[in-house]
């Protein structure tokens, strides 16, 4: 299966999960456009402009992975201590835990997010 960029559902979300600014997302699949038989319920490329953030939130019934494509930022996990992230870094938020991401760099922070059931 291939989902082309032009087929992605483009969304601008203000203050995602109570974060700052907005995020621009291209949802390749999500609950409204599922991939049959997959344990993944969401896949998106997300851009956080300079100074924007995804607020801390929990995943009680699923888990999430971020792969940083470009830019730099600060990732927080359950303990809320900051961890620097940059191009090529991968984060994993297990089921029942929480996380957030802050663009602390001088350019947009681009990452790919996957949520698995």
N, C-alpha and C. Protein backbone atom coordinates (compact mmCIF):
# COMPACT_ATOMS: atom_id res chain seq x y z
N UNK A 1 0.84 -1.18 0.00
CA UNK A 1 0.00 0.00 0.00
C UNK A 1 0.88 1.24 0.00
N UNK A 2 0.50 2.21 -0.79
CA UNK A 2 1.17 3.51 -0.82
C UNK A 2 0.12 4.59 -0.67
N UNK A 3 0.38 5.52 0.23
CA UNK A 3 -0.49 6.68 0.38
C UNK A 3 0.35 7.88 -0.04
N UNK A 4 -0.02 8.51 -1.12
CA UNK A 4 0.72 9.64 -1.67
C UNK A 4 0.48 10.91 -0.85
N UNK A 5 1.45 11.80 -0.87
CA UNK A 5 1.36 13.04 -0.13
C UNK A 5 0.09 13.81 -0.44
N UNK A 6 -0.32 13.81 -1.71
CA UNK A 6 -1.53 14.52 -2.10
C UNK A 6 -2.80 13.93 -1.53
N UNK A 7 -2.73 12.70 -1.03
CA UNK A 7 -3.89 12.06 -0.42
C UNK A 7 -4.00 12.34 1.07
N UNK A 8 -2.97 12.95 1.64
CA UNK A 8 -2.99 13.23 3.07
C UNK A 8 -4.02 14.31 3.39
N UNK A 9 -4.60 14.19 4.56
CA UNK A 9 -5.57 15.17 5.05
C UNK A 9 -4.79 16.24 5.81
N UNK A 10 -4.73 17.45 5.26
CA UNK A 10 -3.96 18.53 5.89
C UNK A 10 -4.82 19.25 6.93
N UNK A 11 -4.23 19.41 8.12
CA UNK A 11 -4.94 20.02 9.24
C UNK A 11 -4.01 21.01 9.95
N UNK A 12 -4.56 22.16 10.31
CA UNK A 12 -3.85 23.10 11.18
C UNK A 12 -4.56 23.07 12.52
N UNK A 13 -3.84 22.71 13.56
CA UNK A 13 -4.43 22.61 14.90
C UNK A 13 -3.82 23.65 15.82
N UNK A 14 -4.66 24.47 16.42
CA UNK A 14 -4.19 25.47 17.37
C UNK A 14 -4.00 24.84 18.75
N UNK A 15 -2.94 25.23 19.41
CA UNK A 15 -2.62 24.80 20.78
C UNK A 15 -2.84 23.30 20.98
N UNK A 16 -2.13 22.45 20.21
CA UNK A 16 -2.34 21.01 20.34
C UNK A 16 -2.07 20.50 21.76
N UNK A 17 -3.06 19.83 22.32
CA UNK A 17 -2.99 19.30 23.69
C UNK A 17 -2.62 20.39 24.70
N UNK A 18 -3.07 21.60 24.47
CA UNK A 18 -2.79 22.70 25.38
C UNK A 18 -1.42 23.32 25.19
N UNK A 19 -0.73 22.97 24.11
CA UNK A 19 0.59 23.53 23.83
C UNK A 19 0.49 24.95 23.31
N UNK A 20 1.65 25.48 22.91
CA UNK A 20 1.72 26.85 22.40
C UNK A 20 1.63 26.85 20.88
N UNK A 21 1.10 27.92 20.34
CA UNK A 21 1.08 28.10 18.89
C UNK A 21 0.18 27.10 18.19
N UNK A 22 0.65 26.62 17.04
CA UNK A 22 -0.14 25.67 16.27
C UNK A 22 0.78 24.62 15.66
N UNK A 23 0.17 23.58 15.12
CA UNK A 23 0.92 22.59 14.35
C UNK A 23 0.21 22.39 13.03
N UNK A 24 1.00 22.14 12.00
CA UNK A 24 0.48 21.80 10.69
C UNK A 24 0.72 20.31 10.50
N UNK A 25 -0.34 19.56 10.23
CA UNK A 25 -0.21 18.11 10.13
C UNK A 25 -0.74 17.61 8.79
N UNK A 26 -0.10 16.58 8.30
CA UNK A 26 -0.58 15.83 7.14
C UNK A 26 -0.90 14.43 7.66
N UNK A 27 -2.18 14.13 7.82
CA UNK A 27 -2.61 12.83 8.32
C UNK A 27 -2.73 11.87 7.14
N UNK A 28 -1.88 10.86 7.13
CA UNK A 28 -1.93 9.86 6.06
C UNK A 28 -2.99 8.81 6.36
N UNK A 29 -3.16 8.51 7.62
CA UNK A 29 -4.28 7.68 8.06
C UNK A 29 -4.60 8.04 9.50
N UNK A 30 -5.86 7.82 9.87
CA UNK A 30 -6.33 8.13 11.22
C UNK A 30 -7.66 7.40 11.40
N UNK A 31 -8.32 7.54 12.54
CA UNK A 31 -9.58 6.82 12.73
C UNK A 31 -10.62 7.08 11.64
N UNK A 32 -10.56 8.27 11.00
CA UNK A 32 -11.50 8.57 9.92
C UNK A 32 -11.10 7.92 8.61
N UNK A 33 -9.84 7.53 8.48
CA UNK A 33 -9.32 6.88 7.28
C UNK A 33 -8.41 5.73 7.74
N UNK A 34 -8.99 4.65 8.27
CA UNK A 34 -8.19 3.56 8.84
C UNK A 34 -7.50 2.72 7.77
N UNK A 35 -6.47 2.02 8.20
CA UNK A 35 -5.83 1.00 7.38
C UNK A 35 -6.29 -0.33 7.95
N UNK A 36 -7.08 -1.06 7.20
CA UNK A 36 -7.66 -2.31 7.70
C UNK A 36 -6.59 -3.28 8.16
N UNK A 37 -6.82 -3.86 9.33
CA UNK A 37 -5.94 -4.88 9.87
C UNK A 37 -4.67 -4.37 10.52
N UNK A 38 -4.45 -3.07 10.53
CA UNK A 38 -3.23 -2.51 11.11
C UNK A 38 -3.44 -2.20 12.58
N UNK A 39 -2.39 -2.36 13.37
CA UNK A 39 -2.48 -1.95 14.77
C UNK A 39 -2.23 -0.45 14.91
N UNK A 40 -1.82 0.22 13.80
CA UNK A 40 -1.62 1.65 13.83
C UNK A 40 -2.94 2.37 13.56
N UNK A 41 -3.27 3.34 14.42
CA UNK A 41 -4.52 4.07 14.25
C UNK A 41 -4.30 5.48 13.71
N UNK A 42 -3.03 5.92 13.65
CA UNK A 42 -2.76 7.26 13.15
C UNK A 42 -1.34 7.33 12.65
N UNK A 43 -1.15 8.01 11.52
CA UNK A 43 0.17 8.27 10.98
C UNK A 43 0.16 9.65 10.36
N UNK A 44 1.10 10.50 10.77
CA UNK A 44 1.09 11.88 10.29
C UNK A 44 2.49 12.46 10.26
N UNK A 45 2.70 13.40 9.35
CA UNK A 45 3.88 14.25 9.40
C UNK A 45 3.43 15.57 9.98
N UNK A 46 4.14 16.04 11.00
CA UNK A 46 3.73 17.24 11.73
C UNK A 46 4.85 18.27 11.71
N UNK A 47 4.47 19.52 11.52
CA UNK A 47 5.41 20.63 11.56
C UNK A 47 5.02 21.54 12.72
N UNK A 48 5.98 21.75 13.63
CA UNK A 48 5.80 22.72 14.71
C UNK A 48 6.63 23.96 14.37
N UNK A 49 6.00 25.11 14.13
CA UNK A 49 6.76 26.32 13.88
C UNK A 49 7.64 26.69 15.09
N UNK A 50 8.57 27.58 14.89
CA UNK A 50 9.44 28.05 15.96
C UNK A 50 8.59 28.52 17.14
N UNK A 51 8.91 28.04 18.34
CA UNK A 51 8.20 28.44 19.55
C UNK A 51 6.93 27.67 19.84
N UNK A 52 6.49 26.81 18.93
CA UNK A 52 5.26 26.04 19.14
C UNK A 52 5.55 24.76 19.92
N UNK A 53 4.51 24.16 20.48
CA UNK A 53 4.69 22.92 21.23
C UNK A 53 3.43 22.06 21.16
N UNK A 54 3.65 20.77 21.37
CA UNK A 54 2.57 19.81 21.61
C UNK A 54 2.56 19.64 23.11
N UNK A 55 1.47 20.05 23.76
CA UNK A 55 1.40 19.98 25.21
C UNK A 55 1.47 18.56 25.74
N UNK A 56 1.87 18.45 26.99
CA UNK A 56 1.96 17.15 27.65
C UNK A 56 0.59 16.49 27.66
N UNK A 57 0.54 15.24 27.25
CA UNK A 57 -0.72 14.48 27.24
C UNK A 57 -0.41 13.00 27.45
N UNK A 58 -1.41 12.26 27.86
CA UNK A 58 -1.20 10.84 28.16
C UNK A 58 -1.84 9.95 27.09
N UNK A 59 -1.39 8.72 27.06
CA UNK A 59 -1.89 7.70 26.13
C UNK A 59 -2.39 6.50 26.93
N UNK A 60 -3.58 6.61 27.52
CA UNK A 60 -4.07 5.52 28.38
C UNK A 60 -4.36 4.23 27.61
N UNK A 61 -4.75 4.33 26.33
CA UNK A 61 -5.18 3.15 25.59
C UNK A 61 -4.35 2.85 24.35
N UNK A 62 -3.26 3.59 24.14
CA UNK A 62 -2.44 3.36 22.96
C UNK A 62 -1.01 3.81 23.27
N UNK A 63 -0.13 3.76 22.28
CA UNK A 63 1.24 4.23 22.44
C UNK A 63 1.61 5.06 21.22
N UNK A 64 2.62 5.93 21.37
CA UNK A 64 2.97 6.82 20.26
C UNK A 64 4.47 6.89 20.07
N UNK A 65 4.87 6.97 18.81
CA UNK A 65 6.27 7.11 18.41
C UNK A 65 6.41 8.40 17.61
N UNK A 66 7.45 9.17 17.91
CA UNK A 66 7.82 10.33 17.11
C UNK A 66 9.19 10.05 16.50
N UNK A 67 9.34 10.36 15.21
CA UNK A 67 10.63 10.33 14.54
C UNK A 67 10.91 11.75 14.06
N UNK A 68 11.96 12.37 14.59
CA UNK A 68 12.29 13.74 14.23
C UNK A 68 12.98 13.75 12.86
N UNK A 69 12.37 14.46 11.91
CA UNK A 69 12.89 14.55 10.55
C UNK A 69 13.87 15.71 10.43
N UNK A 70 13.54 16.86 11.01
CA UNK A 70 14.43 18.02 10.98
C UNK A 70 14.07 18.96 12.12
N UNK A 71 15.03 19.80 12.46
CA UNK A 71 14.83 20.75 13.55
C UNK A 71 15.31 20.18 14.87
N UNK A 72 15.13 20.99 15.91
CA UNK A 72 15.53 20.58 17.26
C UNK A 72 14.43 20.98 18.24
N UNK A 73 14.40 20.25 19.35
CA UNK A 73 13.38 20.54 20.34
C UNK A 73 13.68 19.88 21.66
N UNK A 74 12.69 19.96 22.54
CA UNK A 74 12.77 19.35 23.86
C UNK A 74 11.58 18.42 24.03
N UNK A 75 11.87 17.18 24.38
CA UNK A 75 10.85 16.16 24.58
C UNK A 75 10.73 15.91 26.08
N UNK A 76 9.50 15.82 26.59
CA UNK A 76 9.29 15.49 28.00
C UNK A 76 8.50 14.19 28.10
N UNK A 77 8.86 13.41 29.13
CA UNK A 77 8.17 12.15 29.38
C UNK A 77 7.46 12.26 30.73
N UNK A 78 7.06 11.13 31.27
CA UNK A 78 6.31 11.11 32.54
C UNK A 78 6.97 11.91 33.65
N UNK A 79 8.29 11.84 33.75
CA UNK A 79 8.96 12.55 34.84
C UNK A 79 9.06 14.06 34.58
N UNK A 80 8.62 14.47 33.40
CA UNK A 80 8.59 15.87 32.97
C UNK A 80 9.97 16.49 32.86
N UNK A 81 11.03 15.70 32.95
CA UNK A 81 12.36 16.28 32.74
C UNK A 81 12.61 16.40 31.24
N UNK A 82 13.23 17.51 30.81
CA UNK A 82 13.43 17.76 29.38
C UNK A 82 14.57 16.93 28.80
N UNK A 83 14.36 16.46 27.57
CA UNK A 83 15.37 15.71 26.85
C UNK A 83 15.52 16.37 25.47
N UNK A 84 16.73 16.82 25.10
CA UNK A 84 16.90 17.42 23.78
C UNK A 84 16.72 16.37 22.68
N UNK A 85 16.08 16.76 21.58
CA UNK A 85 15.91 15.88 20.43
C UNK A 85 16.23 16.64 19.16
N UNK A 86 16.67 15.89 18.15
CA UNK A 86 17.00 16.49 16.87
C UNK A 86 16.86 15.47 15.76
N UNK A 87 17.26 15.86 14.58
CA UNK A 87 17.11 15.05 13.38
C UNK A 87 17.58 13.61 13.62
N UNK A 88 16.70 12.66 13.26
CA UNK A 88 17.01 11.24 13.37
C UNK A 88 16.67 10.61 14.71
N UNK A 89 16.31 11.42 15.72
CA UNK A 89 15.96 10.86 17.02
C UNK A 89 14.55 10.29 16.99
N UNK A 90 14.35 9.21 17.74
CA UNK A 90 13.05 8.55 17.83
C UNK A 90 12.65 8.51 19.30
N UNK A 91 11.39 8.87 19.57
CA UNK A 91 10.87 8.80 20.93
C UNK A 91 9.75 7.78 20.96
N UNK A 92 9.54 7.19 22.13
CA UNK A 92 8.46 6.21 22.30
C UNK A 92 7.74 6.51 23.60
N UNK A 93 6.44 6.70 23.51
CA UNK A 93 5.59 6.90 24.68
C UNK A 93 4.74 5.64 24.85
N UNK A 94 5.09 4.77 25.80
CA UNK A 94 4.33 3.53 25.99
C UNK A 94 2.90 3.78 26.47
N UNK A 95 2.08 2.79 26.26
CA UNK A 95 0.69 2.82 26.73
C UNK A 95 0.66 3.16 28.22
N UNK A 96 -0.24 4.08 28.56
CA UNK A 96 -0.41 4.47 29.95
C UNK A 96 0.51 5.58 30.42
N UNK A 97 1.42 6.02 29.57
CA UNK A 97 2.34 7.09 29.95
C UNK A 97 2.03 8.37 29.18
N UNK A 98 2.81 9.42 29.43
CA UNK A 98 2.56 10.70 28.79
C UNK A 98 3.82 11.32 28.22
N UNK A 99 3.61 12.34 27.36
CA UNK A 99 4.74 13.03 26.74
C UNK A 99 4.29 14.36 26.14
N UNK A 100 5.28 15.18 25.75
CA UNK A 100 5.05 16.44 25.07
C UNK A 100 6.30 16.81 24.29
N UNK A 101 6.18 17.75 23.37
CA UNK A 101 7.30 18.15 22.52
C UNK A 101 7.25 19.65 22.30
N UNK A 102 8.40 20.29 22.44
CA UNK A 102 8.52 21.75 22.34
C UNK A 102 9.58 22.08 21.30
N UNK A 103 9.24 22.93 20.32
CA UNK A 103 10.23 23.37 19.36
C UNK A 103 11.04 24.48 20.00
N UNK A 104 12.27 24.17 20.38
CA UNK A 104 13.15 25.14 21.02
C UNK A 104 14.23 25.64 20.07
N UNK A 105 14.18 25.21 18.81
CA UNK A 105 15.21 25.57 17.85
C UNK A 105 14.87 26.79 17.02
N UNK A 106 15.80 27.16 16.11
CA UNK A 106 15.62 28.36 15.28
C UNK A 106 14.88 28.10 13.97
N UNK A 107 14.40 26.88 13.76
CA UNK A 107 13.69 26.53 12.53
C UNK A 107 12.51 25.61 12.86
N UNK A 108 11.59 25.40 11.92
CA UNK A 108 10.47 24.49 12.20
C UNK A 108 10.98 23.10 12.60
N UNK A 109 10.26 22.47 13.50
CA UNK A 109 10.54 21.11 13.93
C UNK A 109 9.57 20.19 13.19
N UNK A 110 10.11 19.30 12.38
CA UNK A 110 9.30 18.38 11.58
C UNK A 110 9.48 16.98 12.15
N UNK A 111 8.37 16.30 12.42
CA UNK A 111 8.45 14.92 12.91
C UNK A 111 7.31 14.10 12.35
N UNK A 112 7.50 12.79 12.37
CA UNK A 112 6.48 11.85 11.95
C UNK A 112 5.97 11.17 13.21
N UNK A 113 4.65 11.09 13.35
CA UNK A 113 4.02 10.50 14.53
C UNK A 113 3.19 9.29 14.13
N UNK A 114 3.33 8.22 14.90
CA UNK A 114 2.51 7.02 14.72
C UNK A 114 1.90 6.64 16.04
N UNK A 115 0.60 6.37 16.04
CA UNK A 115 -0.07 5.85 17.23
C UNK A 115 -0.48 4.42 16.94
N UNK A 116 -0.14 3.53 17.88
CA UNK A 116 -0.47 2.12 17.74
C UNK A 116 -1.40 1.70 18.87
N UNK A 117 -2.34 0.85 18.54
CA UNK A 117 -3.30 0.33 19.54
C UNK A 117 -2.66 -0.76 20.38
